[in-house]
Amino acid sequence: GWYRQALGKQRELVARIINVRTTHYADSVKGRFTIS
């Protein structure tokens, strides 16, 4: 997976590959980011 941490904020999950059919995205990046 990928996480990110902005200045002054907590680290948050951006995207993760769960299995061959399932990926998880933070709501803020859905439709814009793709993990592979």
PDB file of all heavy atoms in Angstrom:
ATOM      1  N   GLY A   1       0.803  -1.204   0.000  1.00  0.00           N
ATOM      2  CA  GLY A   1       0.000   0.000   0.000  1.00  0.00           C
ATOM      3  C   GLY A   1       0.842   1.262   0.000  1.00  0.00           C
ATOM      4  O   GLY A   1       2.066   1.206   0.111  1.00  0.00           O
ATOM      5  N   TRP A   2       0.142   2.360  -0.156  1.00  0.00           N
ATOM      6  CA  TRP A   2       0.757   3.687  -0.087  1.00  0.00           C
ATOM      7  C   TRP A   2       0.040   4.492   0.991  1.00  0.00           C
ATOM      8  O   TRP A   2      -1.190   4.496   1.057  1.00  0.00           O
ATOM      9  CB  TRP A   2       0.638   4.418  -1.425  1.00  0.00           C
ATOM     10  CG  TRP A   2       1.513   3.879  -2.498  1.00  0.00           C
ATOM     11  CD1 TRP A   2       1.200   2.945  -3.441  1.00  0.00           C
ATOM     12  CD2 TRP A   2       2.879   4.265  -2.746  1.00  0.00           C
ATOM     13  NE1 TRP A   2       2.274   2.713  -4.249  1.00  0.00           N
ATOM     14  CE2 TRP A   2       3.323   3.508  -3.854  1.00  0.00           C
ATOM     15  CE3 TRP A   2       3.769   5.161  -2.146  1.00  0.00           C
ATOM     16  CZ2 TRP A   2       4.604   3.628  -4.382  1.00  0.00           C
ATOM     17  CZ3 TRP A   2       5.034   5.276  -2.662  1.00  0.00           C
ATOM     18  CH2 TRP A   2       5.448   4.516  -3.767  1.00  0.00           C
ATOM     19  N   TYR A   3       0.839   5.168   1.799  1.00  0.00           N
ATOM     20  CA  TYR A   3       0.329   6.100   2.789  1.00  0.00           C
ATOM     21  C   TYR A   3       0.899   7.480   2.467  1.00  0.00           C
ATOM     22  O   TYR A   3       1.854   7.598   1.696  1.00  0.00           O
ATOM     23  CB  TYR A   3       0.786   5.701   4.197  1.00  0.00           C
ATOM     24  CG  TYR A   3       0.047   4.538   4.802  1.00  0.00           C
ATOM     25  CD1 TYR A   3       0.233   3.245   4.315  1.00  0.00           C
ATOM     26  CD2 TYR A   3      -0.813   4.713   5.874  1.00  0.00           C
ATOM     27  CE1 TYR A   3      -0.433   2.169   4.876  1.00  0.00           C
ATOM     28  CE2 TYR A   3      -1.487   3.641   6.447  1.00  0.00           C
ATOM     29  CZ  TYR A   3      -1.285   2.386   5.939  1.00  0.00           C
ATOM     30  OH  TYR A   3      -1.955   1.316   6.497  1.00  0.00           O
ATOM     31  N   ARG A   4       0.343   8.485   3.079  1.00  0.00           N
ATOM     32  CA  ARG A   4       0.915   9.828   2.941  1.00  0.00           C
ATOM     33  C   ARG A   4       0.753  10.580   4.254  1.00  0.00           C
ATOM     34  O   ARG A   4      -0.135  10.310   5.050  1.00  0.00           O
ATOM     35  CB  ARG A   4       0.260  10.596   1.805  1.00  0.00           C
ATOM     36  CG  ARG A   4      -1.203  10.966   2.034  1.00  0.00           C
ATOM     37  CD  ARG A   4      -1.772  11.614   0.780  1.00  0.00           C
ATOM     38  NE  ARG A   4      -3.177  11.993   0.953  1.00  0.00           N
ATOM     39  CZ  ARG A   4      -3.950  12.451  -0.031  1.00  0.00           C
ATOM     40  NH1 ARG A   4      -3.455  12.595  -1.260  1.00  0.00           N
ATOM     41  NH2 ARG A   4      -5.203  12.777   0.216  1.00  0.00           N
ATOM     42  N   GLN A   5       1.659  11.525   4.426  1.00  0.00           N
ATOM     43  CA  GLN A   5       1.612  12.371   5.622  1.00  0.00           C
ATOM     44  C   GLN A   5       1.894  13.801   5.218  1.00  0.00           C
ATOM     45  O   GLN A   5       2.997  14.120   4.761  1.00  0.00           O
ATOM     46  CB  GLN A   5       2.619  11.893   6.672  1.00  0.00           C
ATOM     47  CG  GLN A   5       2.500  12.623   7.992  1.00  0.00           C
ATOM     48  CD  GLN A   5       3.255  11.944   9.110  1.00  0.00           C
ATOM     49  OE1 GLN A   5       4.139  11.123   8.881  1.00  0.00           O
ATOM     50  NE2 GLN A   5       2.908  12.269  10.341  1.00  0.00           N
ATOM     51  N   ALA A   6       0.895  14.629   5.368  1.00  0.00           N
ATOM     52  CA  ALA A   6       1.054  16.054   5.107  1.00  0.00           C
ATOM     53  C   ALA A   6       1.596  16.727   6.360  1.00  0.00           C
ATOM     54  O   ALA A   6       1.459  16.221   7.475  1.00  0.00           O
ATOM     55  CB  ALA A   6      -0.283  16.666   4.705  1.00  0.00           C
ATOM     56  N   LEU A   7       2.186  17.881   6.159  1.00  0.00           N
ATOM     57  CA  LEU A   7       2.796  18.606   7.268  1.00  0.00           C
ATOM     58  C   LEU A   7       1.757  18.902   8.344  1.00  0.00           C
ATOM     59  O   LEU A   7       0.701  19.458   8.057  1.00  0.00           O
ATOM     60  CB  LEU A   7       3.412  19.902   6.752  1.00  0.00           C
ATOM     61  CG  LEU A   7       4.420  20.594   7.668  1.00  0.00           C
ATOM     62  CD1 LEU A   7       5.616  19.695   7.913  1.00  0.00           C
ATOM     63  CD2 LEU A   7       4.856  21.919   7.064  1.00  0.00           C
ATOM     64  N   GLY A   8       2.038  18.493   9.559  1.00  0.00           N
ATOM     65  CA  GLY A   8       1.140  18.757  10.666  1.00  0.00           C
ATOM     66  C   GLY A   8      -0.037  17.816  10.773  1.00  0.00           C
ATOM     67  O   GLY A   8      -0.913  18.011  11.620  1.00  0.00           O
ATOM     68  N   LYS A   9      -0.082  16.806   9.915  1.00  0.00           N
ATOM     69  CA  LYS A   9      -1.205  15.875   9.929  1.00  0.00           C
ATOM     70  C   LYS A   9      -0.719  14.455  10.183  1.00  0.00           C
ATOM     71  O   LYS A   9       0.457  14.145  10.054  1.00  0.00           O
ATOM     72  CB  LYS A   9      -1.976  15.946   8.613  1.00  0.00           C
ATOM     73  CG  LYS A   9      -2.647  17.288   8.363  1.00  0.00           C
ATOM     74  CD  LYS A   9      -3.524  17.244   7.133  1.00  0.00           C
ATOM     75  CE  LYS A   9      -4.259  18.560   6.932  1.00  0.00           C
ATOM     76  NZ  LYS A   9      -5.140  18.527   5.734  1.00  0.00           N
ATOM     77  N   GLN A  10      -1.654  13.587  10.518  1.00  0.00           N
ATOM     78  CA  GLN A  10      -1.320  12.189  10.736  1.00  0.00           C
ATOM     79  C   GLN A  10      -1.145  11.460   9.411  1.00  0.00           C
ATOM     80  O   GLN A  10      -1.718  11.849   8.395  1.00  0.00           O
ATOM     81  CB  GLN A  10      -2.437  11.512  11.550  1.00  0.00           C
ATOM     82  CG  GLN A  10      -2.486  11.943  13.010  1.00  0.00           C
ATOM     83  CD  GLN A  10      -3.456  11.111  13.826  1.00  0.00           C
ATOM     84  OE1 GLN A  10      -4.468  10.634  13.316  1.00  0.00           O
ATOM     85  NE2 GLN A  10      -3.148  10.924  15.098  1.00  0.00           N
ATOM     86  N   ARG A  11      -0.378  10.415   9.469  1.00  0.00           N
ATOM     87  CA  ARG A  11      -0.199   9.583   8.283  1.00  0.00           C
ATOM     88  C   ARG A  11      -1.526   8.889   7.970  1.00  0.00           C
ATOM     89  O   ARG A  11      -2.204   8.402   8.868  1.00  0.00           O
ATOM     90  CB  ARG A  11       0.893   8.541   8.526  1.00  0.00           C
ATOM     91  CG  ARG A  11       1.327   7.795   7.306  1.00  0.00           C
ATOM     92  CD  ARG A  11       2.532   6.914   7.582  1.00  0.00           C
ATOM     93  NE  ARG A  11       3.692   7.686   7.991  1.00  0.00           N
ATOM     94  CZ  ARG A  11       4.920   7.170   8.117  1.00  0.00           C
ATOM     95  NH1 ARG A  11       5.114   5.874   7.869  1.00  0.00           N
ATOM     96  NH2 ARG A  11       5.927   7.909   8.500  1.00  0.00           N
ATOM     97  N   GLU A  12      -1.878   8.853   6.686  1.00  0.00           N
ATOM     98  CA  GLU A  12      -3.140   8.245   6.292  1.00  0.00           C
ATOM     99  C   GLU A  12      -2.941   7.280   5.140  1.00  0.00           C
ATOM    100  O   GLU A  12      -2.053   7.468   4.296  1.00  0.00           O
ATOM    101  CB  GLU A  12      -4.150   9.328   5.879  1.00  0.00           C
ATOM    102  CG  GLU A  12      -3.739  10.145   4.678  1.00  0.00           C
ATOM    103  CD  GLU A  12      -4.823  11.111   4.213  1.00  0.00           C
ATOM    104  OE1 GLU A  12      -5.944  11.089   4.763  1.00  0.00           O
ATOM    105  OE2 GLU A  12      -4.549  11.887   3.274  1.00  0.00           O
ATOM    106  N   LEU A  13      -3.796   6.280   5.103  1.00  0.00           N
ATOM    107  CA  LEU A  13      -3.764   5.314   4.015  1.00  0.00           C
ATOM    108  C   LEU A  13      -4.314   5.946   2.744  1.00  0.00           C
ATOM    109  O   LEU A  13      -5.386   6.545   2.761  1.00  0.00           O
ATOM    110  CB  LEU A  13      -4.594   4.089   4.376  1.00  0.00           C
ATOM    111  CG  LEU A  13      -4.741   3.017   3.305  1.00  0.00           C
ATOM    112  CD1 LEU A  13      -3.395   2.391   2.960  1.00  0.00           C
ATOM    113  CD2 LEU A  13      -5.735   1.953   3.747  1.00  0.00           C
ATOM    114  N   VAL A  14      -3.585   5.792   1.671  1.00  0.00           N
ATOM    115  CA  VAL A  14      -4.023   6.312   0.368  1.00  0.00           C
ATOM    116  C   VAL A  14      -4.628   5.186  -0.463  1.00  0.00           C
ATOM    117  O   VAL A  14      -5.729   5.312  -0.998  1.00  0.00           O
ATOM    118  CB  VAL A  14      -2.852   6.939  -0.395  1.00  0.00           C
ATOM    119  CG1 VAL A  14      -3.304   7.388  -1.786  1.00  0.00           C
ATOM    120  CG2 VAL A  14      -2.268   8.105   0.384  1.00  0.00           C
ATOM    121  N   ALA A  15      -3.900   4.090  -0.581  1.00  0.00           N
ATOM    122  CA  ALA A  15      -4.377   2.978  -1.399  1.00  0.00           C
ATOM    123  C   ALA A  15      -3.671   1.693  -0.980  1.00  0.00           C
ATOM    124  O   ALA A  15      -2.536   1.735  -0.515  1.00  0.00           O
ATOM    125  CB  ALA A  15      -4.109   3.241  -2.880  1.00  0.00           C
ATOM    126  N   ARG A  16      -4.371   0.578  -1.151  1.00  0.00           N
ATOM    127  CA  ARG A  16      -3.774  -0.713  -0.810  1.00  0.00           C
ATOM    128  C   ARG A  16      -4.328  -1.781  -1.740  1.00  0.00           C
ATOM    129  O   ARG A  16      -5.504  -1.740  -2.131  1.00  0.00           O
ATOM    130  CB  ARG A  16      -4.086  -1.090   0.629  1.00  0.00           C
ATOM    131  CG  ARG A  16      -3.499  -2.451   1.041  1.00  0.00           C
ATOM    132  CD  ARG A  16      -3.665  -2.752   2.523  1.00  0.00           C
ATOM    133  NE  ARG A  16      -3.016  -1.793   3.378  1.00  0.00           N
ATOM    134  CZ  ARG A  16      -1.699  -1.739   3.588  1.00  0.00           C
ATOM    135  NH1 ARG A  16      -0.890  -2.581   2.983  1.00  0.00           N
ATOM    136  NH2 ARG A  16      -1.188  -0.849   4.416  1.00  0.00           N
ATOM    137  N   ILE A  17      -3.472  -2.721  -2.098  1.00  0.00           N
ATOM    138  CA  ILE A  17      -3.895  -3.894  -2.850  1.00  0.00           C
ATOM    139  C   ILE A  17      -4.246  -4.966  -1.832  1.00  0.00           C
ATOM    140  O   ILE A  17      -3.394  -5.399  -1.049  1.00  0.00           O
ATOM    141  CB  ILE A  17      -2.788  -4.395  -3.790  1.00  0.00           C
ATOM    142  CG1 ILE A  17      -2.394  -3.299  -4.793  1.00  0.00           C
ATOM    143  CG2 ILE A  17      -3.246  -5.651  -4.526  1.00  0.00           C
ATOM    144  CD1 ILE A  17      -1.179  -3.653  -5.643  1.00  0.00           C
ATOM    145  N   ILE A  18      -5.505  -5.395  -1.857  1.00  0.00           N
ATOM    146  CA  ILE A  18      -5.963  -6.399  -0.911  1.00  0.00           C
ATOM    147  C   ILE A  18      -5.758  -7.797  -1.496  1.00  0.00           C
ATOM    148  O   ILE A  18      -5.163  -8.682  -0.862  1.00  0.00           O
ATOM    149  CB  ILE A  18      -7.455  -6.207  -0.557  1.00  0.00           C
ATOM    150  CG1 ILE A  18      -7.715  -4.766  -0.091  1.00  0.00           C
ATOM    151  CG2 ILE A  18      -7.889  -7.235   0.483  1.00  0.00           C
ATOM    152  CD1 ILE A  18      -6.962  -4.372   1.147  1.00  0.00           C
ATOM    153  N   ASN A  19      -6.280  -8.006  -2.669  1.00  0.00           N
ATOM    154  CA  ASN A  19      -6.097  -9.269  -3.370  1.00  0.00           C
ATOM    155  C   ASN A  19      -6.275  -9.004  -4.857  1.00  0.00           C
ATOM    156  O   ASN A  19      -6.350  -7.851  -5.277  1.00  0.00           O
ATOM    157  CB  ASN A  19      -7.068 -10.343  -2.855  1.00  0.00           C
ATOM    158  CG  ASN A  19      -8.515  -9.893  -2.929  1.00  0.00           C
ATOM    159  OD1 ASN A  19      -8.952  -9.346  -3.938  1.00  0.00           O
ATOM    160  ND2 ASN A  19      -9.258 -10.098  -1.852  1.00  0.00           N
ATOM    161  N   VAL A  20      -6.346 -10.090  -5.640  1.00  0.00           N
ATOM    162  CA  VAL A  20      -6.359  -9.934  -7.091  1.00  0.00           C
ATOM    163  C   VAL A  20      -7.568  -9.132  -7.565  1.00  0.00           C
ATOM    164  O   VAL A  20      -7.510  -8.487  -8.610  1.00  0.00           O
ATOM    165  CB  VAL A  20      -6.309 -11.306  -7.783  1.00  0.00           C
ATOM    166  CG1 VAL A  20      -7.579 -12.110  -7.490  1.00  0.00           C
ATOM    167  CG2 VAL A  20      -6.081 -11.183  -9.273  1.00  0.00           C
ATOM    168  N   ARG A  21      -8.648  -9.132  -6.783  1.00  0.00           N
ATOM    169  CA  ARG A  21      -9.858  -8.431  -7.234  1.00  0.00           C
ATOM    170  C   ARG A  21     -10.173  -7.188  -6.418  1.00  0.00           C
ATOM    171  O   ARG A  21     -11.099  -6.449  -6.763  1.00  0.00           O
ATOM    172  CB  ARG A  21     -11.066  -9.367  -7.172  1.00  0.00           C
ATOM    173  CG  ARG A  21     -11.122 -10.393  -8.292  1.00  0.00           C
ATOM    174  CD  ARG A  21     -12.384 -11.237  -8.165  1.00  0.00           C
ATOM    175  NE  ARG A  21     -12.324 -12.101  -6.994  1.00  0.00           N
ATOM    176  CZ  ARG A  21     -11.766 -13.303  -7.008  1.00  0.00           C
ATOM    177  NH1 ARG A  21     -11.249 -13.766  -8.117  1.00  0.00           N
ATOM    178  NH2 ARG A  21     -11.741 -14.044  -5.919  1.00  0.00           N
ATOM    179  N   THR A  22      -9.420  -6.939  -5.384  1.00  0.00           N
ATOM    180  CA  THR A  22      -9.814  -5.885  -4.447  1.00  0.00           C
ATOM    181  C   THR A  22      -8.680  -4.928  -4.159  1.00  0.00           C
ATOM    182  O   THR A  22      -7.577  -5.339  -3.773  1.00  0.00           O
ATOM    183  CB  THR A  22     -10.288  -6.500  -3.124  1.00  0.00           C
ATOM    184  OG1 THR A  22     -11.306  -7.466  -3.377  1.00  0.00           O
ATOM    185  CG2 THR A  22     -10.842  -5.415  -2.202  1.00  0.00           C
ATOM    186  N   THR A  23      -8.981  -3.663  -4.376  1.00  0.00           N
ATOM    187  CA  THR A  23      -8.078  -2.602  -3.949  1.00  0.00           C
ATOM    188  C   THR A  23      -8.893  -1.632  -3.095  1.00  0.00           C
ATOM    189  O   THR A  23     -10.110  -1.519  -3.245  1.00  0.00           O
ATOM    190  CB  THR A  23      -7.471  -1.850  -5.135  1.00  0.00           C
ATOM    191  OG1 THR A  23      -8.526  -1.438  -6.021  1.00  0.00           O
ATOM    192  CG2 THR A  23      -6.504  -2.730  -5.902  1.00  0.00           C
ATOM    193  N   HIS A  24      -8.212  -0.951  -2.222  1.00  0.00           N
ATOM    194  CA  HIS A  24      -8.872   0.016  -1.339  1.00  0.00           C
ATOM    195  C   HIS A  24      -8.268   1.387  -1.560  1.00  0.00           C
ATOM    196  O   HIS A  24      -7.047   1.516  -1.691  1.00  0.00           O
ATOM    197  CB  HIS A  24      -8.694  -0.393   0.117  1.00  0.00           C
ATOM    198  CG  HIS A  24      -9.171   0.659   1.073  1.00  0.00           C
ATOM    199  ND1 HIS A  24     -10.503   0.827   1.395  1.00  0.00           N
ATOM    200  CD2 HIS A  24      -8.492   1.618   1.755  1.00  0.00           C
ATOM    201  CE1 HIS A  24     -10.613   1.840   2.229  1.00  0.00           C
ATOM    202  NE2 HIS A  24      -9.414   2.324   2.468  1.00  0.00           N
ATOM    203  N   TYR A  25      -9.125   2.382  -1.631  1.00  0.00           N
ATOM    204  CA  TYR A  25      -8.664   3.760  -1.817  1.00  0.00           C
ATOM    205  C   TYR A  25      -9.304   4.665  -0.770  1.00  0.00           C
ATOM    206  O   TYR A  25     -10.466   4.479  -0.396  1.00  0.00           O
ATOM    207  CB  TYR A  25      -9.034   4.283  -3.201  1.00  0.00           C
ATOM    208  CG  TYR A  25      -8.329   3.588  -4.331  1.00  0.00           C
ATOM    209  CD1 TYR A  25      -8.917   2.521  -4.995  1.00  0.00           C
ATOM    210  CD2 TYR A  25      -7.067   3.997  -4.736  1.00  0.00           C
ATOM    211  CE1 TYR A  25      -8.261   1.874  -6.029  1.00  0.00           C
ATOM    212  CE2 TYR A  25      -6.405   3.359  -5.779  1.00  0.00           C
ATOM    213  CZ  TYR A  25      -7.012   2.298  -6.416  1.00  0.00           C
ATOM    214  OH  TYR A  25      -6.359   1.667  -7.442  1.00  0.00           O
ATOM    215  N   ALA A  26      -8.555   5.643  -0.345  1.00  0.00           N
ATOM    216  CA  ALA A  26      -9.139   6.692   0.479  1.00  0.00           C
ATOM    217  C   ALA A  26     -10.165   7.439  -0.365  1.00  0.00           C
ATOM    218  O   ALA A  26      -9.984   7.599  -1.586  1.00  0.00           O
ATOM    219  CB  ALA A  26      -8.063   7.648   0.960  1.00  0.00           C
ATOM    220  N   ASP A  27     -11.221   7.884   0.258  1.00  0.00           N
ATOM    221  CA  ASP A  27     -12.275   8.579  -0.479  1.00  0.00           C
ATOM    222  C   ASP A  27     -11.733   9.781  -1.247  1.00  0.00           C
ATOM    223  O   ASP A  27     -12.194  10.093  -2.349  1.00  0.00           O
ATOM    224  CB  ASP A  27     -13.373   9.042   0.483  1.00  0.00           C
ATOM    225  CG  ASP A  27     -14.219   7.891   1.010  1.00  0.00           C
ATOM    226  OD1 ASP A  27     -14.190   6.794   0.397  1.00  0.00           O
ATOM    227  OD2 ASP A  27     -14.906   8.079   2.037  1.00  0.00           O
ATOM    228  N   SER A  28     -10.752  10.439  -0.677  1.00  0.00           N
ATOM    229  CA  SER A  28     -10.235  11.672  -1.280  1.00  0.00           C
ATOM    230  C   SER A  28      -9.486  11.435  -2.584  1.00  0.00           C
ATOM    231  O   SER A  28      -9.249  12.386  -3.343  1.00  0.00           O
ATOM    232  CB  SER A  28      -9.321  12.397  -0.285  1.00  0.00           C
ATOM    233  OG  SER A  28      -8.248  11.553   0.100  1.00  0.00           O
ATOM    234  N   VAL A  29      -9.107  10.186  -2.855  1.00  0.00           N
ATOM    235  CA  VAL A  29      -8.317   9.923  -4.075  1.00  0.00           C
ATOM    236  C   VAL A  29      -9.044   9.011  -5.057  1.00  0.00           C
ATOM    237  O   VAL A  29      -8.539   8.759  -6.154  1.00  0.00           O
ATOM    238  CB  VAL A  29      -6.936   9.325  -3.735  1.00  0.00           C
ATOM    239  CG1 VAL A  29      -6.206  10.197  -2.724  1.00  0.00           C
ATOM    240  CG2 VAL A  29      -7.045   7.892  -3.255  1.00  0.00           C
ATOM    241  N   LYS A  30     -10.208   8.522  -4.675  1.00  0.00           N
ATOM    242  CA  LYS A  30     -10.953   7.619  -5.560  1.00  0.00           C
ATOM    243  C   LYS A  30     -11.222   8.289  -6.895  1.00  0.00           C
ATOM    244  O   LYS A  30     -11.647   9.446  -6.963  1.00  0.00           O
ATOM    245  CB  LYS A  30     -12.275   7.206  -4.906  1.00  0.00           C
ATOM    246  CG  LYS A  30     -12.133   6.141  -3.858  1.00  0.00           C
ATOM    247  CD  LYS A  30     -13.475   5.781  -3.256  1.00  0.00           C
ATOM    248  CE  LYS A  30     -13.325   4.729  -2.171  1.00  0.00           C
ATOM    249  NZ  LYS A  30     -14.610   4.409  -1.507  1.00  0.00           N
ATOM    250  N   GLY A  31     -10.967   7.549  -7.966  1.00  0.00           N
ATOM    251  CA  GLY A  31     -11.188   8.060  -9.303  1.00  0.00           C
ATOM    252  C   GLY A  31     -10.010   8.843  -9.852  1.00  0.00           C
ATOM    253  O   GLY A  31      -9.976   9.172 -11.041  1.00  0.00           O
ATOM    254  N   ARG A  32      -9.036   9.156  -9.012  1.00  0.00           N
ATOM    255  CA  ARG A  32      -7.869   9.920  -9.456  1.00  0.00           C
ATOM    256  C   ARG A  32      -6.575   9.115  -9.347  1.00  0.00           C
ATOM    257  O   ARG A  32      -5.678   9.283 -10.171  1.00  0.00           O
ATOM    258  CB  ARG A  32      -7.722  11.201  -8.622  1.00  0.00           C
ATOM    259  CG  ARG A  32      -8.907  12.125  -8.703  1.00  0.00           C
ATOM    260  CD  ARG A  32      -8.620  13.463  -8.010  1.00  0.00           C
ATOM    261  NE  ARG A  32      -8.353  13.314  -6.582  1.00  0.00           N
ATOM    262  CZ  ARG A  32      -7.216  13.707  -5.992  1.00  0.00           C
ATOM    263  NH1 ARG A  32      -6.254  14.252  -6.698  1.00  0.00           N
ATOM    264  NH2 ARG A  32      -7.073  13.559  -4.687  1.00  0.00           N
ATOM    265  N   PHE A  33      -6.491   8.261  -8.331  1.00  0.00           N
ATOM    266  CA  PHE A  33      -5.278   7.481  -8.102  1.00  0.00           C
ATOM    267  C   PHE A  33      -5.536   6.017  -8.422  1.00  0.00           C
ATOM    268  O   PHE A  33      -6.638   5.506  -8.212  1.00  0.00           O
ATOM    269  CB  PHE A  33      -4.832   7.578  -6.643  1.00  0.00           C
ATOM    270  CG  PHE A  33      -4.304   8.915  -6.222  1.00  0.00           C
ATOM    271  CD1 PHE A  33      -4.435  10.044  -7.018  1.00  0.00           C
ATOM    272  CD2 PHE A  33      -3.665   9.064  -4.990  1.00  0.00           C
ATOM    273  CE1 PHE A  33      -3.946  11.275  -6.614  1.00  0.00           C
ATOM    274  CE2 PHE A  33      -3.169  10.285  -4.577  1.00  0.00           C
ATOM    275  CZ  PHE A  33      -3.319  11.387  -5.387  1.00  0.00           C
ATOM    276  N   THR A  34      -4.491   5.345  -8.896  1.00  0.00           N
ATOM    277  CA  THR A  34      -4.587   3.918  -9.165  1.00  0.00           C
ATOM    278  C   THR A  34      -3.343   3.225  -8.645  1.00  0.00           C
ATOM    279  O   THR A  34      -2.219   3.613  -8.996  1.00  0.00           O
ATOM    280  CB  THR A  34      -4.724   3.646 -10.670  1.00  0.00           C
ATOM    281  OG1 THR A  34      -5.874   4.330 -11.183  1.00  0.00           O
ATOM    282  CG2 THR A  34      -4.883   2.151 -10.932  1.00  0.00           C
ATOM    283  N   ILE A  35      -3.544   2.206  -7.837  1.00  0.00           N
ATOM    284  CA  ILE A  35      -2.424   1.406  -7.334  1.00  0.00           C
ATOM    285  C   ILE A  35      -2.318   0.145  -8.173  1.00  0.00           C
ATOM    286  O   ILE A  35      -3.327  -0.444  -8.577  1.00  0.00           O
ATOM    287  CB  ILE A  35      -2.610   1.066  -5.834  1.00  0.00           C
ATOM    288  CG1 ILE A  35      -1.341   0.416  -5.271  1.00  0.00           C
ATOM    289  CG2 ILE A  35      -3.850   0.207  -5.600  1.00  0.00           C
ATOM    290  CD1 ILE A  35      -1.372   0.255  -3.748  1.00  0.00           C
ATOM    291  N   SER A  36      -1.077  -0.249  -8.442  1.00  0.00           N
ATOM    292  CA  SER A  36      -0.850  -1.470  -9.201  1.00  0.00           C
ATOM    293  C   SER A  36       0.474  -2.068  -8.759  1.00  0.00           C
ATOM    294  O   SER A  36       1.263  -1.418  -8.065  1.00  0.00           O
ATOM    295  CB  SER A  36      -0.840  -1.192 -10.702  1.00  0.00           C
ATOM    296  OG  SER A  36       0.209  -0.314 -11.041  1.00  0.00           O
TER     297      SER A  36
END
